[in-house]
């Protein structure tokens, strides 16, 4: 049994660790929300496992044939579920096409802690609604992702749940308070997680061996 556990621990070693999908909300919904200089966007999420955040996928859209504009992508800590301005990782890029865009965060990867709440934040220097523009796919049908929420921040204002202008009315905080953006987070589990996986797998192996022997 000990030999089996040692072999499994070596097999699950962090040197050969692979990233695993941790959190996700993949429903594209019926909206694409524009990020520009007067509006930052954020999707908060709760890490399920501890480890290095190796990559994040977000779904970008553009209107008609308009070109995409540059965005600054960041991973932030939160306070009471709100991005608090402390960036763990940032990068600026320009999406090239509508679809899932993979952001490689493995260089200087932020270390996330299980049950901790973080935020994916998008900002832009685009000055208006005119082209170029970049939009984040958002689902407004309900609370599809219970570990966080989608929100926006205007200049000189605080982060608030997404507000959407409905036909003939002004936006209010109750229009679509449970919106969620399309995203996926990928984490390389910390060594302790691999050890627990190895021990658990070892006990399953031993149980099955004794069962078949009996």
N, C-alpha and C. Protein backbone atom coordinates (compact mmCIF):
# COMPACT_ATOMS: atom_id res chain seq x y z
N UNK A 1 0.83 -1.21 0.00
CA UNK A 1 0.00 0.00 0.00
C UNK A 1 0.86 1.26 0.00
N UNK A 2 1.93 1.27 0.82
CA UNK A 2 2.81 2.42 0.88
C UNK A 2 3.46 2.69 -0.47
N UNK A 3 3.86 1.62 -1.13
CA UNK A 3 4.49 1.79 -2.45
C UNK A 3 3.51 2.42 -3.44
N UNK A 4 2.26 2.02 -3.34
CA UNK A 4 1.23 2.58 -4.23
C UNK A 4 1.06 4.07 -3.98
N UNK A 5 1.01 4.46 -2.70
CA UNK A 5 0.84 5.87 -2.35
C UNK A 5 2.02 6.71 -2.82
N UNK A 6 3.24 6.17 -2.62
CA UNK A 6 4.43 6.90 -3.05
C UNK A 6 4.41 7.11 -4.56
N UNK A 7 4.03 6.06 -5.30
CA UNK A 7 3.98 6.17 -6.75
C UNK A 7 2.94 7.19 -7.19
N UNK A 8 1.79 7.19 -6.50
CA UNK A 8 0.74 8.13 -6.86
C UNK A 8 1.13 9.57 -6.55
N UNK A 9 1.80 9.77 -5.40
CA UNK A 9 2.24 11.12 -5.05
C UNK A 9 3.22 11.64 -6.09
N UNK A 10 4.12 10.77 -6.56
CA UNK A 10 5.06 11.17 -7.60
C UNK A 10 4.33 11.49 -8.90
N UNK A 11 3.30 10.69 -9.20
CA UNK A 11 2.53 10.90 -10.42
C UNK A 11 1.79 12.24 -10.38
N UNK A 12 1.31 12.62 -9.15
CA UNK A 12 0.57 13.86 -9.00
C UNK A 12 1.48 15.04 -8.64
N UNK A 13 2.78 14.90 -8.82
CA UNK A 13 3.72 15.94 -8.41
C UNK A 13 3.45 17.25 -9.14
N UNK A 14 3.66 18.41 -8.46
CA UNK A 14 3.39 19.69 -9.09
C UNK A 14 4.25 19.97 -10.30
N UNK A 15 5.44 19.32 -10.38
CA UNK A 15 6.29 19.54 -11.54
C UNK A 15 5.61 19.11 -12.83
N UNK A 16 4.74 18.09 -12.72
CA UNK A 16 4.04 17.61 -13.91
C UNK A 16 2.57 17.99 -13.88
N UNK A 17 2.26 18.98 -13.02
CA UNK A 17 0.87 19.35 -12.81
C UNK A 17 0.28 19.99 -14.06
N UNK A 18 -1.00 19.71 -14.26
CA UNK A 18 -1.73 20.30 -15.37
C UNK A 18 -2.84 21.18 -14.79
N UNK A 19 -3.16 22.22 -15.52
CA UNK A 19 -4.24 23.11 -15.09
C UNK A 19 -5.57 22.39 -15.22
N UNK A 20 -6.47 22.70 -14.30
CA UNK A 20 -7.81 22.12 -14.32
C UNK A 20 -8.83 23.25 -14.34
N UNK A 21 -9.97 22.99 -14.97
CA UNK A 21 -11.04 23.98 -14.99
C UNK A 21 -11.60 24.11 -13.58
N UNK A 22 -11.64 25.34 -13.07
CA UNK A 22 -12.13 25.54 -11.70
C UNK A 22 -13.53 26.17 -11.70
N UNK A 23 -13.65 27.39 -12.20
CA UNK A 23 -14.94 28.08 -12.21
C UNK A 23 -15.33 28.42 -13.65
N UNK A 24 -16.64 28.46 -13.90
CA UNK A 24 -17.07 28.81 -15.26
C UNK A 24 -18.53 29.23 -15.29
N UNK A 25 -18.84 30.05 -16.27
CA UNK A 25 -20.22 30.41 -16.64
C UNK A 25 -20.16 30.54 -18.15
N UNK A 26 -20.66 29.54 -18.86
CA UNK A 26 -20.46 29.47 -20.30
C UNK A 26 -21.69 29.83 -21.13
N UNK A 27 -22.78 30.21 -20.47
CA UNK A 27 -23.96 30.62 -21.22
C UNK A 27 -23.74 32.03 -21.76
N UNK A 28 -23.82 32.20 -23.08
CA UNK A 28 -23.52 33.49 -23.69
C UNK A 28 -24.65 34.50 -23.54
N UNK A 29 -25.85 34.01 -23.26
CA UNK A 29 -26.96 34.90 -23.03
C UNK A 29 -27.38 35.70 -24.26
N UNK A 30 -28.03 36.84 -24.01
CA UNK A 30 -28.59 37.64 -25.09
C UNK A 30 -28.02 39.05 -25.13
N UNK A 31 -26.93 39.29 -24.43
CA UNK A 31 -26.38 40.65 -24.38
C UNK A 31 -24.87 40.63 -24.59
N UNK A 32 -24.37 41.76 -25.10
CA UNK A 32 -22.94 41.98 -25.17
C UNK A 32 -22.70 43.39 -24.65
N UNK A 33 -21.98 43.48 -23.52
CA UNK A 33 -21.84 44.74 -22.82
C UNK A 33 -20.51 45.40 -23.17
N UNK A 34 -20.60 46.66 -23.62
CA UNK A 34 -19.43 47.40 -24.08
C UNK A 34 -18.57 47.88 -22.92
N UNK A 35 -17.24 47.72 -23.08
CA UNK A 35 -16.29 48.32 -22.14
C UNK A 35 -15.65 49.51 -22.84
N UNK A 36 -15.62 50.67 -22.17
CA UNK A 36 -15.00 51.86 -22.74
C UNK A 36 -14.47 52.71 -21.60
N UNK A 37 -13.93 53.91 -21.93
CA UNK A 37 -13.19 54.65 -20.92
C UNK A 37 -14.04 55.10 -19.73
N UNK A 38 -15.33 55.23 -19.93
CA UNK A 38 -16.20 55.66 -18.83
C UNK A 38 -16.88 54.50 -18.12
N UNK A 39 -16.59 53.26 -18.54
CA UNK A 39 -17.23 52.12 -17.90
C UNK A 39 -16.29 50.91 -17.87
N UNK A 40 -15.98 50.48 -16.67
CA UNK A 40 -15.22 49.25 -16.47
C UNK A 40 -16.19 48.14 -16.14
N UNK A 41 -15.83 46.92 -16.50
CA UNK A 41 -16.69 45.76 -16.27
C UNK A 41 -15.97 44.76 -15.38
N UNK A 42 -16.74 44.00 -14.62
CA UNK A 42 -16.13 42.99 -13.75
C UNK A 42 -17.07 41.81 -13.55
N UNK A 43 -16.48 40.63 -13.43
CA UNK A 43 -17.20 39.43 -13.04
C UNK A 43 -16.46 38.85 -11.85
N UNK A 44 -17.14 38.77 -10.71
CA UNK A 44 -16.50 38.18 -9.54
C UNK A 44 -16.70 36.67 -9.56
N UNK A 45 -15.78 35.96 -8.92
CA UNK A 45 -15.88 34.50 -8.85
C UNK A 45 -15.23 34.02 -7.56
N UNK A 46 -15.64 32.84 -7.13
CA UNK A 46 -15.11 32.23 -5.91
C UNK A 46 -14.27 31.02 -6.29
N UNK A 47 -12.98 31.05 -5.94
CA UNK A 47 -12.09 29.94 -6.27
C UNK A 47 -12.54 28.66 -5.57
N UNK A 48 -12.54 27.56 -6.31
CA UNK A 48 -12.95 26.29 -5.72
C UNK A 48 -11.78 25.52 -5.14
N UNK A 49 -10.57 25.75 -5.68
CA UNK A 49 -9.37 25.09 -5.20
C UNK A 49 -8.25 26.12 -5.10
N UNK A 50 -7.25 25.81 -4.27
CA UNK A 50 -6.09 26.69 -4.13
C UNK A 50 -5.03 26.34 -5.16
N UNK A 51 -4.37 27.35 -5.68
CA UNK A 51 -3.30 27.10 -6.64
C UNK A 51 -3.05 28.30 -7.53
N UNK A 52 -2.19 28.12 -8.52
CA UNK A 52 -1.86 29.20 -9.44
C UNK A 52 -2.89 29.31 -10.55
N UNK A 53 -3.34 30.53 -10.79
CA UNK A 53 -4.27 30.78 -11.88
C UNK A 53 -3.46 30.82 -13.18
N UNK A 54 -3.58 29.78 -13.99
CA UNK A 54 -2.75 29.67 -15.19
C UNK A 54 -3.38 30.30 -16.42
N UNK A 55 -4.69 30.50 -16.40
CA UNK A 55 -5.35 31.07 -17.56
C UNK A 55 -6.81 31.39 -17.30
N UNK A 56 -7.33 32.34 -18.05
CA UNK A 56 -8.74 32.72 -17.96
C UNK A 56 -9.28 32.86 -19.38
N UNK A 57 -10.48 32.34 -19.62
CA UNK A 57 -11.15 32.47 -20.91
C UNK A 57 -12.33 33.42 -20.76
N UNK A 58 -12.44 34.37 -21.67
CA UNK A 58 -13.60 35.27 -21.69
C UNK A 58 -14.16 35.29 -23.11
N UNK A 59 -15.45 35.52 -23.23
CA UNK A 59 -16.08 35.54 -24.55
C UNK A 59 -16.31 36.98 -24.97
N UNK A 60 -15.60 37.39 -26.04
CA UNK A 60 -15.71 38.75 -26.55
C UNK A 60 -16.59 38.78 -27.81
N UNK A 61 -17.28 39.90 -27.97
CA UNK A 61 -18.08 40.11 -29.17
C UNK A 61 -17.86 41.53 -29.67
N UNK A 62 -18.10 41.74 -30.95
CA UNK A 62 -18.06 43.07 -31.55
C UNK A 62 -19.35 43.25 -32.34
N UNK A 63 -19.71 44.48 -32.60
CA UNK A 63 -20.95 44.76 -33.32
C UNK A 63 -20.68 44.80 -34.82
N UNK A 64 -21.46 44.01 -35.56
CA UNK A 64 -21.37 43.99 -37.02
C UNK A 64 -19.93 43.76 -37.47
N UNK A 65 -19.43 44.60 -38.35
CA UNK A 65 -18.07 44.42 -38.87
C UNK A 65 -17.07 45.36 -38.21
N UNK A 66 -17.46 46.02 -37.12
CA UNK A 66 -16.57 46.95 -36.45
C UNK A 66 -15.36 46.22 -35.86
N UNK A 67 -14.24 46.89 -35.84
CA UNK A 67 -13.01 46.30 -35.30
C UNK A 67 -13.06 46.28 -33.77
N UNK A 68 -12.30 45.37 -33.19
CA UNK A 68 -12.18 45.32 -31.74
C UNK A 68 -11.23 46.41 -31.26
N UNK A 69 -11.48 46.91 -30.07
CA UNK A 69 -10.59 47.88 -29.46
C UNK A 69 -9.76 47.24 -28.36
N UNK A 70 -8.66 47.87 -27.94
CA UNK A 70 -7.81 47.31 -26.90
C UNK A 70 -8.50 47.32 -25.53
N UNK A 71 -8.21 46.31 -24.74
CA UNK A 71 -8.75 46.23 -23.38
C UNK A 71 -7.61 45.87 -22.43
N UNK A 72 -7.73 46.33 -21.21
CA UNK A 72 -6.81 45.90 -20.16
C UNK A 72 -7.55 44.91 -19.28
N UNK A 73 -6.98 43.73 -19.20
CA UNK A 73 -7.57 42.61 -18.47
C UNK A 73 -6.84 42.47 -17.14
N UNK A 74 -7.57 42.30 -16.06
CA UNK A 74 -6.93 42.17 -14.76
C UNK A 74 -7.63 41.19 -13.84
N UNK A 75 -6.86 40.60 -12.93
CA UNK A 75 -7.39 39.78 -11.85
C UNK A 75 -7.21 40.58 -10.57
N UNK A 76 -8.28 40.81 -9.85
CA UNK A 76 -8.24 41.67 -8.67
C UNK A 76 -8.76 40.93 -7.43
N UNK A 77 -8.30 41.38 -6.29
CA UNK A 77 -8.87 40.91 -5.04
C UNK A 77 -10.19 41.65 -4.83
N UNK A 78 -10.98 41.20 -3.88
CA UNK A 78 -12.25 41.84 -3.61
C UNK A 78 -12.42 42.11 -2.12
N UNK A 79 -13.32 43.00 -1.81
CA UNK A 79 -13.70 43.29 -0.43
C UNK A 79 -15.22 43.30 -0.38
N UNK A 80 -15.79 42.40 0.41
CA UNK A 80 -17.24 42.26 0.48
C UNK A 80 -17.84 42.01 -0.90
N UNK A 81 -17.12 41.25 -1.73
CA UNK A 81 -17.61 40.87 -3.04
C UNK A 81 -17.45 41.93 -4.11
N UNK A 82 -16.73 43.04 -3.80
CA UNK A 82 -16.53 44.14 -4.74
C UNK A 82 -15.04 44.26 -5.05
N UNK A 83 -14.65 44.42 -6.34
CA UNK A 83 -13.24 44.64 -6.66
C UNK A 83 -12.70 45.81 -5.85
N UNK A 84 -11.56 45.61 -5.17
CA UNK A 84 -11.06 46.65 -4.26
C UNK A 84 -9.86 47.43 -4.78
N UNK A 85 -9.51 47.24 -6.04
CA UNK A 85 -8.42 48.03 -6.61
C UNK A 85 -7.05 47.41 -6.50
N UNK A 86 -6.94 46.25 -5.83
CA UNK A 86 -5.65 45.58 -5.70
C UNK A 86 -5.49 44.55 -6.81
N UNK A 87 -4.69 44.89 -7.82
CA UNK A 87 -4.51 44.01 -8.97
C UNK A 87 -3.48 42.92 -8.67
N UNK A 88 -3.84 41.67 -8.94
CA UNK A 88 -2.92 40.55 -8.81
C UNK A 88 -2.18 40.28 -10.12
N UNK A 89 -2.82 40.67 -11.24
CA UNK A 89 -2.23 40.40 -12.56
C UNK A 89 -2.97 41.25 -13.58
N UNK A 90 -2.22 41.88 -14.51
CA UNK A 90 -2.87 42.67 -15.57
C UNK A 90 -2.13 42.49 -16.90
N UNK A 91 -2.85 42.71 -17.98
CA UNK A 91 -2.28 42.67 -19.32
C UNK A 91 -3.20 43.42 -20.27
N UNK A 92 -2.62 44.08 -21.27
CA UNK A 92 -3.40 44.81 -22.26
C UNK A 92 -3.26 44.14 -23.62
N UNK A 93 -4.38 43.93 -24.29
CA UNK A 93 -4.37 43.28 -25.60
C UNK A 93 -5.60 43.70 -26.39
N UNK A 94 -5.63 43.32 -27.66
CA UNK A 94 -6.78 43.59 -28.52
C UNK A 94 -7.34 42.27 -29.04
N UNK A 95 -8.58 41.93 -28.72
CA UNK A 95 -9.17 40.70 -29.27
C UNK A 95 -9.18 40.75 -30.79
N UNK A 96 -9.15 39.59 -31.41
CA UNK A 96 -9.09 39.54 -32.88
C UNK A 96 -10.37 39.06 -33.53
N UNK A 97 -11.22 38.40 -32.79
CA UNK A 97 -12.45 37.86 -33.38
C UNK A 97 -13.47 37.55 -32.30
N UNK A 98 -14.74 37.50 -32.69
CA UNK A 98 -15.78 37.10 -31.76
C UNK A 98 -15.56 35.65 -31.34
N UNK A 99 -15.66 35.40 -30.06
CA UNK A 99 -15.49 34.03 -29.56
C UNK A 99 -14.73 34.02 -28.24
N UNK A 100 -14.39 32.82 -27.79
CA UNK A 100 -13.64 32.67 -26.54
C UNK A 100 -12.21 33.14 -26.76
N UNK A 101 -11.75 33.98 -25.86
CA UNK A 101 -10.37 34.48 -25.91
C UNK A 101 -9.64 33.98 -24.67
N UNK A 102 -8.56 33.25 -24.89
CA UNK A 102 -7.79 32.68 -23.78
C UNK A 102 -6.68 33.64 -23.37
N UNK A 103 -6.70 34.02 -22.09
CA UNK A 103 -5.67 34.90 -21.53
C UNK A 103 -4.72 34.05 -20.70
N UNK A 104 -3.46 33.96 -21.14
CA UNK A 104 -2.46 33.16 -20.45
C UNK A 104 -1.90 33.96 -19.28
N UNK A 105 -2.21 33.55 -18.07
CA UNK A 105 -1.74 34.26 -16.86
C UNK A 105 -0.62 33.49 -16.16
N UNK A 106 -0.03 32.51 -16.84
CA UNK A 106 0.96 31.65 -16.20
C UNK A 106 2.26 32.37 -15.86
N UNK A 107 2.59 33.44 -16.60
CA UNK A 107 3.79 34.22 -16.29
C UNK A 107 3.49 35.16 -15.12
N UNK A 108 4.08 34.88 -13.99
CA UNK A 108 3.76 35.65 -12.79
C UNK A 108 2.36 35.36 -12.30
N UNK A 109 1.96 34.10 -12.46
CA UNK A 109 0.58 33.70 -12.14
C UNK A 109 0.19 34.05 -10.71
N UNK A 110 -0.99 34.66 -10.54
CA UNK A 110 -1.47 34.92 -9.18
C UNK A 110 -1.87 33.62 -8.49
N UNK A 111 -1.63 33.54 -7.21
CA UNK A 111 -2.01 32.36 -6.43
C UNK A 111 -3.35 32.64 -5.77
N UNK A 112 -4.34 31.81 -6.09
CA UNK A 112 -5.67 31.95 -5.52
C UNK A 112 -5.87 30.97 -4.38
N UNK A 113 -6.71 31.34 -3.44
CA UNK A 113 -7.00 30.51 -2.28
C UNK A 113 -8.43 30.01 -2.34
N UNK A 114 -8.63 28.74 -2.12
CA UNK A 114 -9.98 28.17 -2.16
C UNK A 114 -10.93 28.95 -1.27
N UNK A 115 -12.12 29.20 -1.77
CA UNK A 115 -13.19 29.96 -1.10
C UNK A 115 -12.95 31.47 -1.11
N UNK A 116 -11.80 31.91 -1.65
CA UNK A 116 -11.56 33.33 -1.77
C UNK A 116 -12.30 33.90 -2.97
N UNK A 117 -12.75 35.13 -2.87
CA UNK A 117 -13.48 35.78 -3.96
C UNK A 117 -12.58 36.75 -4.69
N UNK A 118 -12.57 36.65 -6.01
CA UNK A 118 -11.71 37.47 -6.86
C UNK A 118 -12.56 38.08 -7.97
N UNK A 119 -11.94 38.94 -8.77
CA UNK A 119 -12.69 39.59 -9.85
C UNK A 119 -11.88 39.63 -11.13
N UNK A 120 -12.54 39.32 -12.24
CA UNK A 120 -11.99 39.54 -13.57
C UNK A 120 -12.46 40.94 -13.97
N UNK A 121 -11.52 41.84 -14.23
CA UNK A 121 -11.87 43.24 -14.51
C UNK A 121 -11.38 43.64 -15.90
N UNK A 122 -12.25 44.27 -16.67
CA UNK A 122 -11.90 44.80 -17.99
C UNK A 122 -12.02 46.32 -17.97
N UNK A 123 -10.97 46.99 -18.45
CA UNK A 123 -11.01 48.44 -18.63
C UNK A 123 -10.56 48.76 -20.05
N UNK A 124 -10.84 49.97 -20.49
CA UNK A 124 -10.48 50.36 -21.87
C UNK A 124 -10.21 51.85 -21.94
N UNK A 125 -9.44 52.24 -22.95
CA UNK A 125 -9.19 53.66 -23.19
C UNK A 125 -10.03 54.19 -24.33
N UNK A 126 -10.87 53.34 -24.93
CA UNK A 126 -11.77 53.81 -25.99
C UNK A 126 -12.65 54.92 -25.43
N UNK A 127 -12.84 55.99 -26.20
CA UNK A 127 -13.47 57.19 -25.66
C UNK A 127 -14.98 57.27 -25.84
N UNK A 128 -15.55 56.36 -26.62
CA UNK A 128 -16.98 56.47 -26.85
C UNK A 128 -17.55 55.14 -27.31
N UNK A 129 -18.83 55.16 -27.67
CA UNK A 129 -19.49 53.96 -28.18
C UNK A 129 -19.15 53.68 -29.64
N UNK A 130 -18.41 54.59 -30.27
CA UNK A 130 -18.07 54.40 -31.68
C UNK A 130 -16.95 53.39 -31.83
N UNK A 131 -16.76 52.89 -33.06
CA UNK A 131 -15.73 51.90 -33.33
C UNK A 131 -14.34 52.52 -33.10
N UNK A 132 -13.32 51.71 -32.69
CA UNK A 132 -13.45 50.28 -32.41
C UNK A 132 -14.12 50.04 -31.06
N UNK A 133 -14.62 48.85 -30.87
CA UNK A 133 -15.27 48.54 -29.61
C UNK A 133 -15.09 47.07 -29.25
N UNK A 134 -15.12 46.79 -27.98
CA UNK A 134 -15.03 45.41 -27.48
C UNK A 134 -16.14 45.19 -26.47
N UNK A 135 -16.85 44.08 -26.62
CA UNK A 135 -17.98 43.77 -25.75
C UNK A 135 -17.82 42.39 -25.13
N UNK A 136 -18.32 42.26 -23.90
CA UNK A 136 -18.24 41.02 -23.15
C UNK A 136 -19.63 40.38 -23.17
N UNK A 137 -19.70 39.10 -23.55
CA UNK A 137 -20.98 38.40 -23.59
C UNK A 137 -21.51 38.20 -22.17
N UNK A 138 -22.78 38.55 -21.98
CA UNK A 138 -23.40 38.51 -20.65
C UNK A 138 -24.77 37.85 -20.73
N UNK A 139 -25.05 37.00 -19.76
CA UNK A 139 -26.38 36.38 -19.66
C UNK A 139 -27.18 37.10 -18.59
N UNK A 140 -28.40 37.51 -18.93
CA UNK A 140 -29.23 38.27 -18.00
C UNK A 140 -30.45 37.48 -17.51
N UNK A 141 -30.47 36.17 -17.77
CA UNK A 141 -31.68 35.40 -17.48
C UNK A 141 -31.83 35.03 -16.02
N UNK A 142 -30.80 35.21 -15.22
CA UNK A 142 -30.89 34.83 -13.81
C UNK A 142 -29.52 34.54 -13.24
N UNK A 143 -29.51 34.09 -12.02
CA UNK A 143 -28.25 33.84 -11.33
C UNK A 143 -27.68 32.49 -11.75
N UNK A 144 -27.09 32.42 -12.95
CA UNK A 144 -26.56 31.16 -13.45
C UNK A 144 -25.29 30.75 -12.72
N UNK A 145 -24.53 31.73 -12.23
CA UNK A 145 -23.30 31.44 -11.49
C UNK A 145 -23.44 31.98 -10.08
N UNK A 146 -23.52 31.08 -9.10
CA UNK A 146 -23.79 31.49 -7.73
C UNK A 146 -22.54 31.98 -6.98
N UNK A 147 -21.35 31.80 -7.58
CA UNK A 147 -20.13 32.18 -6.88
C UNK A 147 -19.69 33.61 -7.10
N UNK A 148 -20.50 34.40 -7.80
CA UNK A 148 -20.15 35.79 -8.05
C UNK A 148 -21.19 36.47 -8.89
N UNK A 149 -20.88 37.66 -9.40
CA UNK A 149 -21.85 38.39 -10.21
C UNK A 149 -21.14 39.36 -11.14
N UNK A 150 -21.89 39.85 -12.12
CA UNK A 150 -21.38 40.80 -13.10
C UNK A 150 -21.71 42.20 -12.65
N UNK A 151 -20.78 43.15 -12.79
CA UNK A 151 -21.03 44.52 -12.37
C UNK A 151 -20.26 45.50 -13.23
N UNK A 152 -20.60 46.76 -13.08
CA UNK A 152 -19.96 47.82 -13.85
C UNK A 152 -19.55 48.95 -12.92
N UNK A 153 -18.62 49.77 -13.41
CA UNK A 153 -18.17 50.93 -12.64
C UNK A 153 -17.97 52.11 -13.58
N UNK A 154 -18.72 53.15 -13.36
CA UNK A 154 -18.55 54.39 -14.13
C UNK A 154 -17.52 55.27 -13.43
N UNK A 155 -16.96 56.21 -14.18
CA UNK A 155 -15.99 57.13 -13.59
C UNK A 155 -16.61 57.88 -12.42
N UNK A 156 -15.87 57.95 -11.31
CA UNK A 156 -16.29 58.64 -10.09
C UNK A 156 -17.49 57.97 -9.41
N UNK A 157 -17.80 56.74 -9.81
CA UNK A 157 -18.88 56.01 -9.16
C UNK A 157 -18.35 54.70 -8.59
N UNK A 158 -19.19 54.01 -7.84
CA UNK A 158 -18.81 52.75 -7.22
C UNK A 158 -19.24 51.58 -8.09
N UNK A 159 -18.63 50.42 -7.83
CA UNK A 159 -19.06 49.20 -8.52
C UNK A 159 -20.50 48.88 -8.15
N UNK A 160 -21.31 48.59 -9.15
CA UNK A 160 -22.71 48.24 -8.92
C UNK A 160 -23.09 47.07 -9.81
N UNK A 161 -24.11 46.29 -9.43
CA UNK A 161 -24.60 45.22 -10.31
C UNK A 161 -24.99 45.79 -11.66
N UNK A 162 -24.85 44.98 -12.71
CA UNK A 162 -25.17 45.44 -14.05
C UNK A 162 -26.56 46.05 -14.11
N UNK A 163 -26.67 47.22 -14.73
CA UNK A 163 -27.97 47.83 -15.00
C UNK A 163 -28.12 47.95 -16.50
N UNK A 164 -29.25 47.55 -17.02
CA UNK A 164 -29.49 47.56 -18.45
C UNK A 164 -30.72 48.41 -18.74
N UNK A 165 -30.61 49.28 -19.75
CA UNK A 165 -31.75 50.12 -20.11
C UNK A 165 -32.78 49.27 -20.84
N UNK A 166 -33.95 49.15 -20.26
CA UNK A 166 -35.03 48.43 -20.91
C UNK A 166 -35.82 49.41 -21.77
N UNK A 167 -36.64 48.89 -22.62
CA UNK A 167 -37.34 49.72 -23.60
C UNK A 167 -38.11 50.86 -22.94
N UNK A 168 -37.72 52.09 -23.27
CA UNK A 168 -38.45 53.26 -22.82
C UNK A 168 -38.25 53.64 -21.38
N UNK A 169 -37.30 53.00 -20.70
CA UNK A 169 -37.10 53.32 -19.29
C UNK A 169 -35.63 53.62 -19.01
N UNK A 170 -35.38 54.27 -17.90
CA UNK A 170 -34.00 54.53 -17.46
C UNK A 170 -33.51 53.31 -16.69
N UNK A 171 -32.20 53.08 -16.67
CA UNK A 171 -31.67 51.91 -15.96
C UNK A 171 -31.83 52.06 -14.46
N UNK A 172 -32.11 50.97 -13.80
CA UNK A 172 -32.20 50.95 -12.34
C UNK A 172 -31.44 49.74 -11.83
N UNK A 173 -31.16 49.71 -10.54
CA UNK A 173 -30.39 48.61 -9.96
C UNK A 173 -31.16 47.30 -9.93
N UNK A 174 -32.44 47.35 -10.25
CA UNK A 174 -33.25 46.12 -10.22
C UNK A 174 -33.56 45.59 -11.62
N UNK A 175 -33.02 46.22 -12.66
CA UNK A 175 -33.32 45.77 -14.02
C UNK A 175 -32.85 44.32 -14.23
N UNK A 176 -31.55 44.11 -14.06
CA UNK A 176 -30.98 42.77 -14.22
C UNK A 176 -29.89 42.58 -13.16
N UNK A 177 -30.27 42.45 -11.89
CA UNK A 177 -29.26 42.40 -10.82
C UNK A 177 -28.50 41.08 -10.75
N UNK A 178 -28.94 40.06 -11.49
CA UNK A 178 -28.31 38.75 -11.38
C UNK A 178 -27.61 38.33 -12.67
N UNK A 179 -27.11 39.29 -13.41
CA UNK A 179 -26.41 38.98 -14.65
C UNK A 179 -25.05 38.35 -14.37
N UNK A 180 -24.57 37.53 -15.32
CA UNK A 180 -23.24 36.92 -15.22
C UNK A 180 -22.59 36.92 -16.60
N UNK A 181 -21.31 37.27 -16.64
CA UNK A 181 -20.56 37.27 -17.90
C UNK A 181 -20.04 35.87 -18.19
N UNK A 182 -19.69 35.64 -19.45
CA UNK A 182 -19.15 34.34 -19.86
C UNK A 182 -17.66 34.29 -19.55
N UNK A 183 -17.25 33.29 -18.75
CA UNK A 183 -15.85 33.19 -18.36
C UNK A 183 -15.52 31.76 -17.93
N UNK A 184 -14.22 31.46 -17.90
CA UNK A 184 -13.71 30.19 -17.36
C UNK A 184 -12.37 30.48 -16.69
N UNK A 185 -12.12 29.87 -15.54
CA UNK A 185 -10.82 30.02 -14.88
C UNK A 185 -10.15 28.65 -14.79
N UNK A 186 -8.84 28.64 -15.02
CA UNK A 186 -8.05 27.40 -14.99
C UNK A 186 -6.95 27.53 -13.95
N UNK A 187 -6.87 26.55 -13.07
CA UNK A 187 -5.92 26.61 -11.95
C UNK A 187 -5.03 25.37 -11.92
N UNK A 188 -3.74 25.59 -11.62
CA UNK A 188 -2.81 24.49 -11.34
C UNK A 188 -2.86 24.29 -9.83
N UNK A 189 -3.46 23.20 -9.35
CA UNK A 189 -3.63 23.00 -7.91
C UNK A 189 -2.31 23.02 -7.16
N UNK A 190 -2.33 23.51 -5.92
CA UNK A 190 -1.12 23.54 -5.09
C UNK A 190 -0.73 22.12 -4.69
N UNK A 191 0.53 21.90 -4.27
CA UNK A 191 1.01 20.55 -3.94
C UNK A 191 0.12 19.79 -2.96
N UNK A 192 -0.41 20.48 -1.96
CA UNK A 192 -1.25 19.80 -0.98
C UNK A 192 -2.47 19.15 -1.60
N UNK A 193 -3.00 19.80 -2.62
CA UNK A 193 -4.16 19.25 -3.31
C UNK A 193 -3.80 17.97 -4.03
N UNK A 194 -2.61 17.94 -4.65
CA UNK A 194 -2.16 16.74 -5.35
C UNK A 194 -1.95 15.58 -4.38
N UNK A 195 -1.40 15.90 -3.20
CA UNK A 195 -1.17 14.85 -2.20
C UNK A 195 -2.50 14.25 -1.75
N UNK A 196 -3.50 15.11 -1.53
CA UNK A 196 -4.81 14.61 -1.13
C UNK A 196 -5.42 13.75 -2.23
N UNK A 197 -5.23 14.16 -3.48
CA UNK A 197 -5.73 13.35 -4.60
C UNK A 197 -5.05 11.99 -4.62
N UNK A 198 -3.73 11.99 -4.36
CA UNK A 198 -2.98 10.74 -4.37
C UNK A 198 -3.45 9.80 -3.27
N UNK A 199 -3.64 10.35 -2.06
CA UNK A 199 -4.08 9.53 -0.93
C UNK A 199 -5.48 8.98 -1.20
N UNK A 200 -6.37 9.85 -1.70
CA UNK A 200 -7.72 9.40 -2.00
C UNK A 200 -7.75 8.31 -3.05
N UNK A 201 -6.95 8.48 -4.10
CA UNK A 201 -6.87 7.47 -5.15
C UNK A 201 -6.30 6.17 -4.61
N UNK A 202 -5.32 6.28 -3.69
CA UNK A 202 -4.72 5.09 -3.10
C UNK A 202 -5.72 4.28 -2.29
N UNK A 203 -6.55 4.98 -1.52
CA UNK A 203 -7.56 4.28 -0.72
C UNK A 203 -8.61 3.62 -1.61
N UNK A 204 -8.98 4.29 -2.70
CA UNK A 204 -9.93 3.68 -3.64
C UNK A 204 -9.33 2.41 -4.23
N UNK A 205 -8.04 2.47 -4.60
CA UNK A 205 -7.35 1.31 -5.16
C UNK A 205 -7.34 0.16 -4.15
N UNK A 206 -7.01 0.47 -2.89
CA UNK A 206 -6.95 -0.56 -1.84
C UNK A 206 -8.31 -1.17 -1.60
N UNK A 207 -9.36 -0.32 -1.57
CA UNK A 207 -10.71 -0.82 -1.34
C UNK A 207 -11.14 -1.79 -2.44
N UNK A 208 -10.87 -1.40 -3.67
CA UNK A 208 -11.26 -2.27 -4.78
C UNK A 208 -10.45 -3.57 -4.78
N UNK A 209 -9.19 -3.49 -4.41
CA UNK A 209 -8.34 -4.68 -4.37
C UNK A 209 -8.85 -5.66 -3.32
N UNK A 210 -9.20 -5.16 -2.15
CA UNK A 210 -9.70 -6.03 -1.08
C UNK A 210 -11.07 -6.61 -1.45
N UNK A 211 -11.86 -5.79 -2.15
CA UNK A 211 -13.19 -6.25 -2.54
C UNK A 211 -13.11 -7.39 -3.51
N UNK A 212 -12.21 -7.24 -4.52
CA UNK A 212 -12.05 -8.32 -5.49
C UNK A 212 -11.41 -9.56 -4.85
N UNK A 213 -10.51 -9.34 -3.88
CA UNK A 213 -9.85 -10.47 -3.21
C UNK A 213 -10.83 -11.25 -2.37
N UNK A 214 -11.83 -10.54 -1.83
CA UNK A 214 -12.83 -11.19 -0.98
C UNK A 214 -13.88 -11.89 -1.81
